[in-house]
Amino acid sequence: LIEAYENRCVTPEILAATQGTICPW
């Protein structure tokens, strides 16, 4: 996600795949 942000290529799929387990998003 950080790399996508820095390269301005964040997608909904990248966002959806990024989360923790205790308190997702």
PDB file of all heavy atoms in Angstrom:
ATOM      1  N   LEU A   1       0.821  -1.203   0.000  1.00  0.00           N
ATOM      2  CA  LEU A   1       0.000   0.000   0.000  1.00  0.00           C
ATOM      3  C   LEU A   1       0.864   1.266   0.000  1.00  0.00           C
ATOM      4  O   LEU A   1       0.585   2.217  -0.746  1.00  0.00           O
ATOM      5  CB  LEU A   1      -0.930   0.010   1.216  1.00  0.00           C
ATOM      6  CG  LEU A   1      -1.767   1.277   1.407  1.00  0.00           C
ATOM      7  CD1 LEU A   1      -2.685   1.510   0.214  1.00  0.00           C
ATOM      8  CD2 LEU A   1      -2.569   1.195   2.700  1.00  0.00           C
ATOM      9  N   ILE A   2       1.910   1.282   0.814  1.00  0.00           N
ATOM     10  CA  ILE A   2       2.779   2.458   0.883  1.00  0.00           C
ATOM     11  C   ILE A   2       3.430   2.721  -0.466  1.00  0.00           C
ATOM     12  O   ILE A   2       3.500   3.866  -0.938  1.00  0.00           O
ATOM     13  CB  ILE A   2       3.854   2.284   1.973  1.00  0.00           C
ATOM     14  CG1 ILE A   2       3.213   2.101   3.346  1.00  0.00           C
ATOM     15  CG2 ILE A   2       4.806   3.463   1.969  1.00  0.00           C
ATOM     16  CD1 ILE A   2       2.360   3.218   3.822  1.00  0.00           C
ATOM     17  N   GLU A   3       3.897   1.662  -1.104  1.00  0.00           N
ATOM     18  CA  GLU A   3       4.523   1.824  -2.425  1.00  0.00           C
ATOM     19  C   GLU A   3       3.507   2.330  -3.445  1.00  0.00           C
ATOM     20  O   GLU A   3       3.823   3.198  -4.275  1.00  0.00           O
ATOM     21  CB  GLU A   3       5.126   0.494  -2.885  1.00  0.00           C
ATOM     22  CG  GLU A   3       6.369   0.080  -2.105  1.00  0.00           C
ATOM     23  CD  GLU A   3       6.901  -1.276  -2.536  1.00  0.00           C
ATOM     24  OE1 GLU A   3       6.183  -1.983  -3.306  1.00  0.00           O
ATOM     25  OE2 GLU A   3       8.018  -1.638  -2.108  1.00  0.00           O
ATOM     26  N   ALA A   4       2.295   1.801  -3.388  1.00  0.00           N
ATOM     27  CA  ALA A   4       1.256   2.254  -4.315  1.00  0.00           C
ATOM     28  C   ALA A   4       0.901   3.714  -4.067  1.00  0.00           C
ATOM     29  O   ALA A   4       0.681   4.484  -5.009  1.00  0.00           O
ATOM     30  CB  ALA A   4       0.025   1.367  -4.182  1.00  0.00           C
ATOM     31  N   TYR A   5       0.857   4.106  -2.799  1.00  0.00           N
ATOM     32  CA  TYR A   5       0.573   5.507  -2.459  1.00  0.00           C
ATOM     33  C   TYR A   5       1.661   6.421  -3.014  1.00  0.00           C
ATOM     34  O   TYR A   5       1.370   7.445  -3.639  1.00  0.00           O
ATOM     35  CB  TYR A   5       0.477   5.655  -0.943  1.00  0.00           C
ATOM     36  CG  TYR A   5       0.379   7.088  -0.472  1.00  0.00           C
ATOM     37  CD1 TYR A   5      -0.848   7.748  -0.434  1.00  0.00           C
ATOM     38  CD2 TYR A   5       1.511   7.784  -0.051  1.00  0.00           C
ATOM     39  CE1 TYR A   5      -0.947   9.062   0.007  1.00  0.00           C
ATOM     40  CE2 TYR A   5       1.432   9.092   0.389  1.00  0.00           C
ATOM     41  CZ  TYR A   5       0.203   9.738   0.413  1.00  0.00           C
ATOM     42  OH  TYR A   5       0.133  11.045   0.841  1.00  0.00           O
ATOM     43  N   GLU A   6       2.908   6.042  -2.781  1.00  0.00           N
ATOM     44  CA  GLU A   6       4.024   6.874  -3.249  1.00  0.00           C
ATOM     45  C   GLU A   6       4.057   6.973  -4.763  1.00  0.00           C
ATOM     46  O   GLU A   6       4.468   7.997  -5.318  1.00  0.00           O
ATOM     47  CB  GLU A   6       5.341   6.305  -2.713  1.00  0.00           C
ATOM     48  CG  GLU A   6       5.469   6.454  -1.193  1.00  0.00           C
ATOM     49  CD  GLU A   6       6.672   5.750  -0.630  1.00  0.00           C
ATOM     50  OE1 GLU A   6       7.259   4.894  -1.345  1.00  0.00           O
ATOM     51  OE2 GLU A   6       7.042   6.035   0.538  1.00  0.00           O
ATOM     52  N   ASN A   7       3.607   5.933  -5.453  1.00  0.00           N
ATOM     53  CA  ASN A   7       3.587   5.927  -6.922  1.00  0.00           C
ATOM     54  C   ASN A   7       2.236   6.358  -7.490  1.00  0.00           C
ATOM     55  O   ASN A   7       2.015   6.286  -8.702  1.00  0.00           O
ATOM     56  CB  ASN A   7       3.946   4.532  -7.446  1.00  0.00           C
ATOM     57  CG  ASN A   7       5.385   4.154  -7.159  1.00  0.00           C
ATOM     58  OD1 ASN A   7       6.293   4.958  -7.379  1.00  0.00           O
ATOM     59  ND2 ASN A   7       5.604   2.957  -6.647  1.00  0.00           N
ATOM     60  N   ARG A   8       1.327   6.758  -6.590  1.00  0.00           N
ATOM     61  CA  ARG A   8      -0.007   7.229  -6.978  1.00  0.00           C
ATOM     62  C   ARG A   8      -0.768   6.206  -7.826  1.00  0.00           C
ATOM     63  O   ARG A   8      -1.374   6.531  -8.843  1.00  0.00           O
ATOM     64  CB  ARG A   8       0.082   8.577  -7.710  1.00  0.00           C
ATOM     65  CG  ARG A   8       0.635   9.700  -6.835  1.00  0.00           C
ATOM     66  CD  ARG A   8       0.746  11.004  -7.590  1.00  0.00           C
ATOM     67  NE  ARG A   8       1.359  12.038  -6.767  1.00  0.00           N
ATOM     68  CZ  ARG A   8       0.699  13.057  -6.199  1.00  0.00           C
ATOM     69  NH1 ARG A   8      -0.607  13.156  -6.369  1.00  0.00           N
ATOM     70  NH2 ARG A   8       1.341  13.967  -5.479  1.00  0.00           N
ATOM     71  N   CYS A   9      -0.701   4.966  -7.373  1.00  0.00           N
ATOM     72  CA  CYS A   9      -1.415   3.910  -8.105  1.00  0.00           C
ATOM     73  C   CYS A   9      -2.187   3.004  -7.145  1.00  0.00           C
ATOM     74  O   CYS A   9      -2.274   1.786  -7.354  1.00  0.00           O
ATOM     75  CB  CYS A   9      -0.445   3.101  -8.969  1.00  0.00           C
ATOM     76  SG  CYS A   9       0.877   2.279  -8.076  1.00  0.00           S
ATOM     77  N   VAL A  10      -2.744   3.595  -6.089  1.00  0.00           N
ATOM     78  CA  VAL A  10      -3.577   2.829  -5.158  1.00  0.00           C
ATOM     79  C   VAL A  10      -4.872   2.439  -5.856  1.00  0.00           C
ATOM     80  O   VAL A  10      -5.505   3.252  -6.528  1.00  0.00           O
ATOM     81  CB  VAL A  10      -3.888   3.651  -3.891  1.00  0.00           C
ATOM     82  CG1 VAL A  10      -4.844   2.893  -2.984  1.00  0.00           C
ATOM     83  CG2 VAL A  10      -2.602   4.001  -3.148  1.00  0.00           C
ATOM     84  N   THR A  11      -5.260   1.181  -5.702  1.00  0.00           N
ATOM     85  CA  THR A  11      -6.514   0.695  -6.294  1.00  0.00           C
ATOM     86  C   THR A  11      -7.439   0.216  -5.169  1.00  0.00           C
ATOM     87  O   THR A  11      -6.983  -0.076  -4.057  1.00  0.00           O
ATOM     88  CB  THR A  11      -6.259  -0.476  -7.243  1.00  0.00           C
ATOM     89  OG1 THR A  11      -5.716  -1.583  -6.474  1.00  0.00           O
ATOM     90  CG2 THR A  11      -5.271  -0.092  -8.343  1.00  0.00           C
ATOM     91  N   PRO A  12      -8.740   0.114  -5.445  1.00  0.00           N
ATOM     92  CA  PRO A  12      -9.648  -0.458  -4.442  1.00  0.00           C
ATOM     93  C   PRO A  12      -9.222  -1.857  -4.012  1.00  0.00           C
ATOM     94  O   PRO A  12      -9.418  -2.237  -2.861  1.00  0.00           O
ATOM     95  CB  PRO A  12     -10.990  -0.485  -5.177  1.00  0.00           C
ATOM     96  CG  PRO A  12     -10.915   0.654  -6.142  1.00  0.00           C
ATOM     97  CD  PRO A  12      -9.484   0.658  -6.604  1.00  0.00           C
ATOM     98  N   GLU A  13      -8.626  -2.614  -4.922  1.00  0.00           N
ATOM     99  CA  GLU A  13      -8.185  -3.971  -4.593  1.00  0.00           C
ATOM    100  C   GLU A  13      -7.036  -3.944  -3.578  1.00  0.00           C
ATOM    101  O   GLU A  13      -6.990  -4.765  -2.650  1.00  0.00           O
ATOM    102  CB  GLU A  13      -7.742  -4.706  -5.855  1.00  0.00           C
ATOM    103  CG  GLU A  13      -8.862  -5.048  -6.821  1.00  0.00           C
ATOM    104  CD  GLU A  13      -9.387  -3.835  -7.600  1.00  0.00           C
ATOM    105  OE1 GLU A  13      -8.631  -2.844  -7.743  1.00  0.00           O
ATOM    106  OE2 GLU A  13     -10.554  -3.879  -8.042  1.00  0.00           O
ATOM    107  N   ILE A  14      -6.108  -2.995  -3.750  1.00  0.00           N
ATOM    108  CA  ILE A  14      -4.999  -2.866  -2.802  1.00  0.00           C
ATOM    109  C   ILE A  14      -5.533  -2.445  -1.434  1.00  0.00           C
ATOM    110  O   ILE A  14      -5.117  -2.963  -0.396  1.00  0.00           O
ATOM    111  CB  ILE A  14      -3.950  -1.873  -3.326  1.00  0.00           C
ATOM    112  CG1 ILE A  14      -3.233  -2.448  -4.549  1.00  0.00           C
ATOM    113  CG2 ILE A  14      -2.934  -1.512  -2.234  1.00  0.00           C
ATOM    114  CD1 ILE A  14      -2.253  -1.494  -5.217  1.00  0.00           C
ATOM    115  N   LEU A  15      -6.478  -1.503  -1.426  1.00  0.00           N
ATOM    116  CA  LEU A  15      -7.079  -1.082  -0.162  1.00  0.00           C
ATOM    117  C   LEU A  15      -7.781  -2.249   0.522  1.00  0.00           C
ATOM    118  O   LEU A  15      -7.626  -2.471   1.732  1.00  0.00           O
ATOM    119  CB  LEU A  15      -8.078   0.045  -0.406  1.00  0.00           C
ATOM    120  CG  LEU A  15      -7.532   1.406  -0.825  1.00  0.00           C
ATOM    121  CD1 LEU A  15      -8.679   2.371  -1.083  1.00  0.00           C
ATOM    122  CD2 LEU A  15      -6.603   1.966   0.251  1.00  0.00           C
ATOM    123  N   ALA A  16      -8.567  -2.993  -0.244  1.00  0.00           N
ATOM    124  CA  ALA A  16      -9.350  -4.091   0.325  1.00  0.00           C
ATOM    125  C   ALA A  16      -8.464  -5.169   0.930  1.00  0.00           C
ATOM    126  O   ALA A  16      -8.869  -5.850   1.882  1.00  0.00           O
ATOM    127  CB  ALA A  16     -10.260  -4.689  -0.744  1.00  0.00           C
ATOM    128  N   ALA A  17      -7.255  -5.325   0.386  1.00  0.00           N
ATOM    129  CA  ALA A  17      -6.355  -6.376   0.851  1.00  0.00           C
ATOM    130  C   ALA A  17      -5.536  -5.955   2.064  1.00  0.00           C
ATOM    131  O   ALA A  17      -4.821  -6.777   2.646  1.00  0.00           O
ATOM    132  CB  ALA A  17      -5.408  -6.790  -0.274  1.00  0.00           C
ATOM    133  N   THR A  18      -5.635  -4.682   2.456  1.00  0.00           N
ATOM    134  CA  THR A  18      -4.803  -4.160   3.535  1.00  0.00           C
ATOM    135  C   THR A  18      -5.636  -3.951   4.788  1.00  0.00           C
ATOM    136  O   THR A  18      -6.492  -3.066   4.840  1.00  0.00           O
ATOM    137  CB  THR A  18      -4.171  -2.805   3.123  1.00  0.00           C
ATOM    138  OG1 THR A  18      -3.583  -2.924   1.835  1.00  0.00           O
ATOM    139  CG2 THR A  18      -3.106  -2.383   4.127  1.00  0.00           C
ATOM    140  N   GLN A  19      -5.397  -4.774   5.806  1.00  0.00           N
ATOM    141  CA  GLN A  19      -6.106  -4.607   7.070  1.00  0.00           C
ATOM    142  C   GLN A  19      -5.479  -5.489   8.131  1.00  0.00           C
ATOM    143  O   GLN A  19      -4.776  -6.450   7.830  1.00  0.00           O
ATOM    144  CB  GLN A  19      -7.592  -4.962   6.938  1.00  0.00           C
ATOM    145  CG  GLN A  19      -7.856  -6.440   6.672  1.00  0.00           C
ATOM    146  CD  GLN A  19      -9.342  -6.754   6.627  1.00  0.00           C
ATOM    147  OE1 GLN A  19     -10.079  -6.153   5.865  1.00  0.00           O
ATOM    148  NE2 GLN A  19      -9.776  -7.706   7.453  1.00  0.00           N
ATOM    149  N   GLY A  20      -5.720  -5.135   9.389  1.00  0.00           N
ATOM    150  CA  GLY A  20      -5.263  -5.947  10.499  1.00  0.00           C
ATOM    151  C   GLY A  20      -6.354  -6.901  10.947  1.00  0.00           C
ATOM    152  O   GLY A  20      -7.344  -7.122  10.236  1.00  0.00           O
ATOM    153  N   THR A  21      -6.197  -7.430  12.149  1.00  0.00           N
ATOM    154  CA  THR A  21      -7.137  -8.427  12.659  1.00  0.00           C
ATOM    155  C   THR A  21      -7.920  -7.948  13.878  1.00  0.00           C
ATOM    156  O   THR A  21      -9.025  -8.426  14.135  1.00  0.00           O
ATOM    157  CB  THR A  21      -6.389  -9.718  13.033  1.00  0.00           C
ATOM    158  OG1 THR A  21      -5.385  -9.411  14.015  1.00  0.00           O
ATOM    159  CG2 THR A  21      -5.709 -10.332  11.821  1.00  0.00           C
ATOM    160  N   ILE A  22      -7.366  -7.010  14.637  1.00  0.00           N
ATOM    161  CA  ILE A  22      -8.011  -6.557  15.872  1.00  0.00           C
ATOM    162  C   ILE A  22      -9.162  -5.603  15.571  1.00  0.00           C
ATOM    163  O   ILE A  22     -10.261  -5.737  16.114  1.00  0.00           O
ATOM    164  CB  ILE A  22      -6.992  -5.863  16.798  1.00  0.00           C
ATOM    165  CG1 ILE A  22      -5.924  -6.854  17.252  1.00  0.00           C
ATOM    166  CG2 ILE A  22      -7.690  -5.222  18.002  1.00  0.00           C
ATOM    167  CD1 ILE A  22      -4.775  -6.218  18.006  1.00  0.00           C
ATOM    168  N   CYS A  23      -8.887  -4.661  14.687  1.00  0.00           N
ATOM    169  CA  CYS A  23      -9.859  -3.614  14.391  1.00  0.00           C
ATOM    170  C   CYS A  23      -9.697  -3.234  12.919  1.00  0.00           C
ATOM    171  O   CYS A  23      -9.132  -2.191  12.585  1.00  0.00           O
ATOM    172  CB  CYS A  23      -9.601  -2.401  15.292  1.00  0.00           C
ATOM    173  SG  CYS A  23     -10.836  -1.097  15.223  1.00  0.00           S
ATOM    174  N   PRO A  24     -10.167  -4.099  11.998  1.00  0.00           N
ATOM    175  CA  PRO A  24      -9.874  -3.908  10.578  1.00  0.00           C
ATOM    176  C   PRO A  24     -10.381  -2.582  10.014  1.00  0.00           C
ATOM    177  O   PRO A  24     -11.546  -2.249  10.160  1.00  0.00           O
ATOM    178  CB  PRO A  24     -10.554  -5.109   9.909  1.00  0.00           C
ATOM    179  CG  PRO A  24     -11.497  -5.661  10.913  1.00  0.00           C
ATOM    180  CD  PRO A  24     -10.966  -5.305  12.255  1.00  0.00           C
ATOM    181  N   TRP A  25      -9.459  -1.864   9.402  1.00  0.00           N
ATOM    182  CA  TRP A  25      -9.661  -0.487   8.925  1.00  0.00           C
ATOM    183  C   TRP A  25     -10.009   0.395  10.135  1.00  0.00           C
ATOM    184  O   TRP A  25     -11.065   1.013  10.208  1.00  0.00           O
ATOM    185  CB  TRP A  25     -10.708  -0.414   7.831  1.00  0.00           C
ATOM    186  CG  TRP A  25     -10.205  -0.833   6.483  1.00  0.00           C
ATOM    187  CD1 TRP A  25      -9.084  -1.572   6.224  1.00  0.00           C
ATOM    188  CD2 TRP A  25     -10.790  -0.559   5.209  1.00  0.00           C
ATOM    189  NE1 TRP A  25      -8.937  -1.780   4.876  1.00  0.00           N
ATOM    190  CE2 TRP A  25      -9.972  -1.172   4.231  1.00  0.00           C
ATOM    191  CE3 TRP A  25     -11.929   0.127   4.796  1.00  0.00           C
ATOM    192  CZ2 TRP A  25     -10.248  -1.098   2.852  1.00  0.00           C
ATOM    193  CZ3 TRP A  25     -12.210   0.195   3.446  1.00  0.00           C
ATOM    194  CH2 TRP A  25     -11.381  -0.405   2.485  1.00  0.00           C
TER     195      TRP A  25
END
